[in-house]
Amino acid sequence: MANIRTRTDKDGKSYHTVQIRLKGYPPQTATFKRLTDAKKWAQDTESAIREGRHFKTVEAKKHTVAEMLDKYCDEYLPNNKEKTYSLKELVERKSRMAWWKSKIGHTLLSEITPPMIDEQISNMSQSAATVDKYLKNLSHAFSIAIKKWGWTTENPCKKVTSPTLPRGRVRYLNDEERERFLQACKESSNSILYTCVVLAISTGMRQSELMKLQWQDINLKDGYLILHETKNGERRRVPIEGHALELLQEHAKIRRLDTDLLFPGNIHKDKAIDLRKPFENAVERAGIVNFHWHDLRHCTASYLVMNGASLAEIAEVLGHKTLAMVKRYAHLSDSHVANVVASMNNKIFGISE
């Protein structure tokens, strides 16, 4: 219960000291000039204590955003058991946290508001996708501070509107383009380019995943490989079939014994080969425009859709946790969907051709 004592200072002015004692909780004390303020504080604080809000709010007044971000980067990211982040993702997240620290790091967690965060992202000149990553990473730091450390009860990022993201890019090679491009890769002065391109198209692997492959990750007998470091942090089993498997089996015959990498560089054996220039040259010789290495992954997804694969199957092949990322390819299966709808109508309404 709250106990309010009124005293007079040496100047003859009254002040009111409130002390709240509730069983099982440490006593809380505050002083006010006005009795009405003292009573309101007592009422609000008692309610907050009983509802489990008060001490969490007090904790938020002890820590700044900078302290939260430092703890997130130094303790949570490298040691968490929920998700394994790649080295690239760790570096990028720490960089984004450093940016937020420079902008709002001095602010107490109890004082941070959605408008303060919204103001910062509104002034960013980067793409909408990049801004979205900054906001999501900060939001995750707040979530960890709430769930694991009890530093705050509010995630202000949840009340900030994310920037509108552009529709995902879908650039894939049509049959004619693919034939020209693969021929240009075969004729490349780089003997590895063709094998890597075929492997990328047939599996949907990202370039970083492909270049990190080691021989112990490959099972040529059963036709699969294991990706240990992926963008979503989970291991992925990737089947290798047909021509891609044949090329890997041939590549194994000339395997270098001084490195574990499948595709080592010519200068540094423990650093993957750089195919950027050979790839660009092949694209140019094939007369193809607006095509990048990552578009090989779009080729995989697009060819799968056009060959009847479901979006769920494509997500599994590409290593996406949700269908959101693969919905961009849905339009490529319009004719397949139309046939399914027509078949359903025929069976229900008995319409025959």
Protein backbone atom coordinates (compact mmCIF):
# COMPACT_ATOMS: atom_id res chain seq x y z
CA MET A 1 0.00 0.00 0.00
CA ALA A 2 1.07 3.59 -0.60
CA ASN A 3 2.03 5.85 2.28
CA ILE A 4 2.27 9.61 1.62
CA ARG A 5 4.08 11.88 4.06
CA THR A 6 3.91 15.65 3.79
CA ARG A 7 6.88 17.66 5.05
CA THR A 8 8.05 21.27 4.94
CA ASP A 9 11.49 22.31 3.78
CA LYS A 10 13.62 25.10 5.30
CA ASP A 11 11.93 27.68 3.08
CA GLY A 12 8.53 26.73 4.38
CA LYS A 13 7.42 24.99 1.18
CA SER A 14 5.56 21.67 1.39
CA TYR A 15 6.60 18.49 -0.43
CA HIS A 16 5.10 15.02 -0.46
CA THR A 17 7.06 11.76 -0.25
CA VAL A 18 5.36 8.59 -1.44
CA GLN A 19 6.48 5.14 -0.39
CA ILE A 20 4.87 2.03 -1.83
CA ARG A 21 5.27 -1.30 -0.07
CA LEU A 22 3.79 -4.39 -1.69
CA LYS A 23 4.56 -7.90 -0.47
CA GLY A 24 7.13 -9.63 -2.63
CA TYR A 25 8.41 -6.42 -4.25
CA PRO A 26 11.11 -3.93 -3.25
CA PRO A 27 9.76 -0.63 -1.86
CA GLN A 28 9.39 2.28 -4.29
CA THR A 29 9.81 5.93 -3.24
CA ALA A 30 9.28 9.25 -5.01
CA THR A 31 8.86 12.91 -3.99
CA PHE A 32 6.50 15.50 -5.47
CA LYS A 33 5.68 19.17 -4.90
CA ARG A 34 1.97 18.67 -5.48
CA LEU A 35 -0.17 16.21 -3.52
CA THR A 36 -2.27 15.40 -6.61
CA ASP A 37 0.89 14.32 -8.48
CA ALA A 38 1.94 12.17 -5.54
CA LYS A 39 -1.42 10.41 -5.40
CA LYS A 40 -1.48 9.83 -9.17
CA TRP A 41 2.04 8.38 -9.12
CA ALA A 42 1.11 6.10 -6.25
CA GLN A 43 -2.00 4.83 -8.02
CA ASP A 44 -0.25 4.30 -11.38
CA THR A 45 2.80 2.66 -9.85
CA GLU A 46 0.81 0.24 -7.72
CA SER A 47 -1.17 -0.83 -10.79
CA ALA A 48 2.01 -1.21 -12.85
CA ILE A 49 3.68 -3.33 -10.15
CA ARG A 50 0.69 -5.66 -9.85
CA GLU A 51 0.54 -6.02 -13.66
CA GLY A 52 4.27 -6.70 -13.94
CA ARG A 53 5.03 -3.53 -15.90
CA HIS A 54 6.76 -1.25 -13.43
CA PHE A 55 10.13 -2.87 -12.94
CA LYS A 56 10.55 -3.53 -16.64
CA THR A 57 9.98 0.16 -17.27
CA VAL A 58 12.57 0.96 -14.62
CA GLU A 59 15.03 -1.34 -16.42
CA ALA A 60 14.45 0.55 -19.67
CA LYS A 61 15.52 3.74 -17.92
CA LYS A 62 18.87 2.18 -17.04
CA HIS A 63 20.01 1.31 -20.58
CA THR A 64 20.56 3.28 -23.76
CA VAL A 65 20.00 2.10 -27.31
CA ALA A 66 23.79 2.01 -27.71
CA GLU A 67 24.11 -0.44 -24.81
CA MET A 68 21.44 -2.63 -26.34
CA LEU A 69 23.10 -2.65 -29.76
CA ASP A 70 26.54 -3.38 -28.29
CA LYS A 71 25.17 -6.32 -26.30
CA TYR A 72 23.32 -7.57 -29.39
CA CYS A 73 26.48 -7.49 -31.54
CA ASP A 74 28.99 -8.67 -28.94
CA GLU A 75 26.96 -11.32 -27.12
CA TYR A 76 23.84 -12.36 -29.00
CA LEU A 77 24.96 -12.56 -32.64
CA PRO A 78 28.07 -14.73 -32.18
CA ASN A 79 26.65 -16.95 -29.42
CA ASN A 80 22.95 -17.40 -30.10
CA LYS A 81 21.64 -20.94 -30.58
CA GLU A 82 18.53 -19.98 -32.51
CA LYS A 83 20.15 -19.26 -35.85
CA THR A 84 23.64 -19.46 -37.30
CA TYR A 85 24.51 -16.33 -39.26
CA SER A 86 27.04 -16.40 -42.09
CA LEU A 87 30.17 -14.29 -41.76
CA LYS A 88 28.81 -11.90 -44.39
CA GLU A 89 25.51 -11.50 -42.54
CA LEU A 90 27.32 -10.91 -39.24
CA VAL A 91 29.44 -8.17 -40.78
CA GLU A 92 26.42 -6.51 -42.42
CA ARG A 93 24.30 -6.61 -39.26
CA LYS A 94 27.08 -5.14 -37.14
CA SER A 95 27.52 -2.38 -39.72
CA ARG A 96 23.81 -1.54 -39.60
CA MET A 97 23.81 -1.58 -35.80
CA ALA A 98 26.79 0.83 -35.82
CA TRP A 99 24.77 3.17 -38.06
CA TRP A 100 21.78 3.08 -35.70
CA LYS A 101 24.12 3.63 -32.76
CA SER A 102 25.46 6.80 -34.37
CA LYS A 103 21.93 8.12 -34.89
CA ILE A 104 19.96 7.18 -31.76
CA GLY A 105 22.48 5.41 -29.54
CA HIS A 106 22.41 8.10 -26.85
CA THR A 107 18.66 7.66 -26.25
CA LEU A 108 17.37 5.68 -23.28
CA LEU A 109 15.28 2.63 -24.17
CA SER A 110 12.43 4.13 -22.16
CA GLU A 111 12.47 7.27 -24.30
CA ILE A 112 12.82 5.85 -27.80
CA THR A 113 9.68 6.36 -29.90
CA PRO A 114 8.46 5.21 -33.34
CA PRO A 115 8.67 8.79 -34.76
CA MET A 116 12.36 8.96 -33.80
CA ILE A 117 13.07 5.80 -35.80
CA ASP A 118 10.79 6.85 -38.65
CA GLU A 119 12.67 10.16 -38.93
CA GLN A 120 15.97 8.34 -39.43
CA ILE A 121 14.77 5.96 -42.12
CA SER A 122 12.93 8.78 -43.90
CA ASN A 123 16.27 10.56 -44.34
CA MET A 124 18.04 7.51 -45.79
CA SER A 125 19.01 7.70 -49.45
CA GLN A 126 19.50 3.95 -49.93
CA SER A 127 17.08 1.69 -51.78
CA ALA A 128 13.83 0.62 -50.15
CA ALA A 129 15.17 -2.92 -49.77
CA THR A 130 18.24 -1.67 -47.90
CA VAL A 131 16.20 0.61 -45.64
CA ASP A 132 13.91 -2.31 -44.88
CA LYS A 133 16.92 -4.39 -43.75
CA TYR A 134 18.09 -1.61 -41.42
CA LEU A 135 14.63 -1.42 -39.85
CA LYS A 136 14.21 -5.18 -39.51
CA ASN A 137 17.67 -5.62 -37.95
CA LEU A 138 16.96 -2.91 -35.37
CA SER A 139 13.58 -4.49 -34.66
CA HIS A 140 15.27 -7.82 -34.01
CA ALA A 141 17.66 -6.21 -31.54
CA PHE A 142 14.68 -4.76 -29.64
CA SER A 143 12.95 -8.15 -29.68
CA ILE A 144 16.00 -9.81 -28.14
CA ALA A 145 16.23 -7.06 -25.51
CA ILE A 146 12.58 -7.77 -24.59
CA LYS A 147 12.61 -11.57 -24.64
CA LYS A 148 16.08 -12.41 -23.35
CA TRP A 149 17.29 -9.52 -21.23
CA GLY A 150 14.10 -7.90 -19.93
CA TRP A 151 15.49 -4.46 -20.69
CA THR A 152 12.26 -3.09 -22.16
CA THR A 153 8.68 -4.07 -22.90
CA GLU A 154 8.13 -2.16 -26.13
CA ASN A 155 9.48 -2.63 -29.65
CA PRO A 156 9.01 0.79 -31.29
CA CYS A 157 9.98 -0.60 -34.70
CA LYS A 158 6.71 -2.53 -34.80
CA LYS A 159 4.87 0.79 -35.12
CA VAL A 160 7.07 2.11 -37.94
CA THR A 161 5.83 1.55 -41.49
CA SER A 162 8.34 -0.30 -43.65
CA PRO A 163 9.16 1.24 -47.03
CA THR A 164 7.29 -0.19 -49.99
CA LEU A 165 9.54 -2.76 -51.64
CA PRO A 166 9.72 -3.03 -55.42
CA ARG A 167 8.48 -6.18 -57.11
CA GLY A 168 11.14 -8.84 -57.17
CA ARG A 169 13.27 -9.05 -60.29
CA VAL A 170 12.62 -12.02 -62.58
CA ARG A 171 15.18 -12.24 -65.38
CA TYR A 172 15.72 -15.65 -66.89
CA LEU A 173 17.12 -16.89 -70.19
CA ASN A 174 14.69 -18.06 -72.84
CA ASP A 175 15.56 -21.17 -74.83
CA GLU A 176 17.46 -19.30 -77.52
CA GLU A 177 19.37 -17.11 -75.07
CA ARG A 178 20.27 -20.11 -72.93
CA GLU A 179 21.67 -22.02 -75.89
CA ARG A 180 23.84 -19.08 -76.96
CA PHE A 181 25.02 -18.38 -73.45
CA LEU A 182 25.96 -21.96 -72.62
CA GLN A 183 27.88 -22.21 -75.90
CA ALA A 184 29.77 -19.03 -75.01
CA CYS A 185 30.61 -20.53 -71.61
CA LYS A 186 31.94 -23.69 -73.27
CA GLU A 187 34.17 -21.57 -75.50
CA SER A 188 35.44 -19.45 -72.60
CA SER A 189 39.16 -19.41 -71.89
CA ASN A 190 38.21 -20.27 -68.32
CA SER A 191 37.73 -24.04 -68.20
CA ILE A 192 35.65 -23.91 -65.00
CA LEU A 193 33.01 -21.40 -66.11
CA TYR A 194 30.76 -23.83 -67.99
CA THR A 195 30.70 -26.35 -65.13
CA CYS A 196 29.86 -23.66 -62.57
CA VAL A 197 27.11 -22.13 -64.69
CA VAL A 198 25.46 -25.49 -65.36
CA LEU A 199 25.69 -26.35 -61.66
CA ALA A 200 24.16 -22.99 -60.71
CA ILE A 201 21.23 -23.37 -63.11
CA SER A 202 20.53 -27.01 -62.24
CA THR A 203 20.58 -26.50 -58.45
CA GLY A 204 19.58 -22.87 -57.83
CA MET A 205 22.59 -22.30 -55.58
CA ARG A 206 23.72 -18.77 -54.88
CA GLN A 207 27.17 -17.84 -56.14
CA SER A 208 28.53 -17.61 -52.59
CA GLU A 209 27.18 -21.08 -51.79
CA LEU A 210 28.69 -22.53 -54.96
CA MET A 211 32.11 -21.00 -54.40
CA LYS A 212 32.35 -22.23 -50.79
CA LEU A 213 31.78 -25.88 -51.75
CA GLN A 214 34.38 -28.35 -50.53
CA TRP A 215 34.92 -31.92 -51.68
CA GLN A 216 33.75 -33.34 -48.35
CA ASP A 217 30.36 -31.68 -48.99
CA ILE A 218 29.84 -33.66 -52.22
CA ASN A 219 28.41 -37.17 -52.63
CA LEU A 220 28.94 -38.05 -56.28
CA LYS A 221 27.77 -41.62 -55.79
CA ASP A 222 24.29 -40.71 -54.56
CA GLY A 223 24.11 -37.38 -56.39
CA TYR A 224 23.78 -34.67 -53.77
CA LEU A 225 25.73 -32.02 -51.90
CA ILE A 226 25.37 -30.33 -48.52
CA LEU A 227 25.43 -26.56 -48.09
CA HIS A 228 26.60 -25.72 -44.58
CA GLU A 229 26.48 -21.91 -44.84
CA THR A 230 23.33 -20.52 -46.43
CA LYS A 231 21.60 -17.15 -46.35
CA ASN A 232 18.87 -18.31 -43.97
CA GLY A 233 21.44 -19.94 -41.66
CA GLU A 234 20.25 -23.53 -42.16
CA ARG A 235 22.02 -26.46 -43.79
CA ARG A 236 20.52 -27.54 -47.08
CA ARG A 237 20.73 -30.79 -49.02
CA VAL A 238 20.88 -30.13 -52.76
CA PRO A 239 20.30 -32.90 -55.32
CA ILE A 240 22.64 -33.06 -58.34
CA GLU A 241 21.21 -34.69 -61.42
CA GLY A 242 21.96 -35.32 -65.09
CA HIS A 243 24.46 -33.15 -66.92
CA ALA A 244 25.50 -31.28 -63.76
CA LEU A 245 26.42 -34.56 -62.07
CA GLU A 246 28.37 -35.70 -65.13
CA LEU A 247 30.34 -32.45 -65.16
CA LEU A 248 31.16 -32.75 -61.45
CA GLN A 249 32.31 -36.33 -61.93
CA GLU A 250 34.64 -35.18 -64.71
CA HIS A 251 35.82 -32.27 -62.57
CA ALA A 252 36.67 -34.71 -59.76
CA LYS A 253 39.18 -36.42 -62.05
CA ILE A 254 41.29 -33.26 -62.16
CA ARG A 255 40.78 -32.37 -58.52
CA ARG A 256 43.61 -30.41 -56.92
CA LEU A 257 45.04 -32.20 -53.91
CA ASP A 258 46.44 -29.11 -52.20
CA THR A 259 43.02 -27.65 -51.30
CA ASP A 260 39.55 -28.80 -50.23
CA LEU A 261 37.75 -26.25 -52.41
CA LEU A 262 35.91 -27.49 -55.50
CA PHE A 263 36.77 -24.36 -57.42
CA PRO A 264 39.99 -22.86 -56.04
CA GLY A 265 41.67 -19.80 -57.50
CA ASN A 266 44.83 -19.98 -59.56
CA ILE A 267 46.83 -17.73 -57.22
CA HIS A 268 45.43 -18.50 -53.77
CA LYS A 269 44.50 -22.17 -53.45
CA ASP A 270 42.28 -21.60 -50.40
CA LYS A 271 40.37 -18.75 -52.02
CA ALA A 272 37.60 -19.48 -54.54
CA ILE A 273 38.15 -18.67 -58.18
CA ASP A 274 36.84 -15.31 -59.42
CA LEU A 275 34.53 -15.89 -62.39
CA ARG A 276 33.23 -12.35 -62.67
CA LYS A 277 35.17 -11.37 -65.80
CA PRO A 278 34.79 -14.71 -67.65
CA PHE A 279 31.03 -14.59 -66.92
CA GLU A 280 30.69 -11.03 -68.21
CA ASN A 281 32.66 -11.91 -71.34
CA ALA A 282 30.39 -14.90 -72.03
CA VAL A 283 27.28 -12.76 -71.58
CA GLU A 284 28.66 -10.21 -74.02
CA ARG A 285 29.69 -12.80 -76.63
CA ALA A 286 26.23 -14.38 -76.43
CA GLY A 287 24.63 -11.00 -77.13
CA ILE A 288 22.60 -11.06 -73.91
CA VAL A 289 21.63 -7.87 -72.09
CA ASN A 290 20.64 -7.15 -68.50
CA PHE A 291 21.82 -10.46 -67.10
CA HIS A 292 23.81 -11.06 -63.92
CA TRP A 293 25.10 -14.13 -62.11
CA HIS A 294 22.25 -14.07 -59.58
CA ASP A 295 19.84 -14.32 -62.50
CA LEU A 296 20.98 -17.92 -62.94
CA ARG A 297 19.01 -18.58 -59.76
CA HIS A 298 15.97 -16.94 -61.37
CA CYS A 299 16.51 -19.30 -64.31
CA THR A 300 16.30 -22.29 -61.98
CA ALA A 301 13.06 -21.12 -60.39
CA SER A 302 11.48 -20.13 -63.70
CA TYR A 303 12.33 -23.41 -65.42
CA LEU A 304 10.95 -25.35 -62.44
CA VAL A 305 7.66 -23.43 -62.58
CA MET A 306 7.31 -23.95 -66.30
CA ASN A 307 7.91 -27.66 -65.80
CA GLY A 308 5.05 -27.98 -63.31
CA ALA A 309 6.81 -27.54 -59.95
CA SER A 310 4.71 -26.01 -57.18
CA LEU A 311 5.78 -22.86 -55.36
CA ALA A 312 6.37 -24.95 -52.22
CA GLU A 313 8.71 -27.24 -54.14
CA ILE A 314 10.59 -24.28 -55.59
CA ALA A 315 10.97 -22.74 -52.13
CA GLU A 316 12.48 -26.01 -50.91
CA VAL A 317 14.93 -26.18 -53.82
CA LEU A 318 16.03 -22.56 -53.40
CA GLY A 319 16.17 -22.74 -49.62
CA HIS A 320 13.43 -20.21 -48.83
CA LYS A 321 11.55 -20.61 -45.54
CA THR A 322 8.35 -19.06 -46.86
CA LEU A 323 6.55 -18.81 -50.19
CA ALA A 324 6.76 -15.01 -50.25
CA MET A 325 10.04 -14.97 -52.16
CA VAL A 326 8.90 -17.40 -54.85
CA LYS A 327 5.50 -15.86 -55.57
CA ARG A 328 7.21 -13.64 -58.14
CA TYR A 329 7.40 -16.70 -60.40
CA ALA A 330 3.72 -17.62 -60.07
CA HIS A 331 2.71 -15.89 -63.31
CA LEU A 332 4.89 -18.32 -65.27
CA SER A 333 2.53 -21.15 -64.36
CA ASP A 334 -0.67 -19.39 -65.47
CA SER A 335 -1.40 -21.98 -68.15
CA HIS A 336 -0.87 -24.80 -65.66
CA VAL A 337 -3.25 -23.15 -63.17
CA ALA A 338 -5.81 -22.59 -65.92
CA ASN A 339 -5.74 -26.30 -66.78
CA VAL A 340 -6.28 -27.22 -63.13
CA VAL A 341 -9.25 -24.85 -62.88
CA ALA A 342 -10.72 -26.17 -66.14
CA SER A 343 -10.39 -29.75 -64.93
CA MET A 344 -12.12 -28.90 -61.65
CA ASN A 345 -15.02 -27.21 -63.45
CA ASN A 346 -15.47 -30.13 -65.79
CA LYS A 347 -15.69 -32.58 -62.91
CA ILE A 348 -18.10 -30.45 -60.85
CA PHE A 349 -20.42 -29.14 -63.54
CA GLY A 350 -20.05 -31.96 -66.02
CA ILE A 351 -19.00 -29.70 -68.86
CA SER A 352 -17.51 -31.73 -71.68
CA GLU A 353 -15.76 -30.55 -74.76
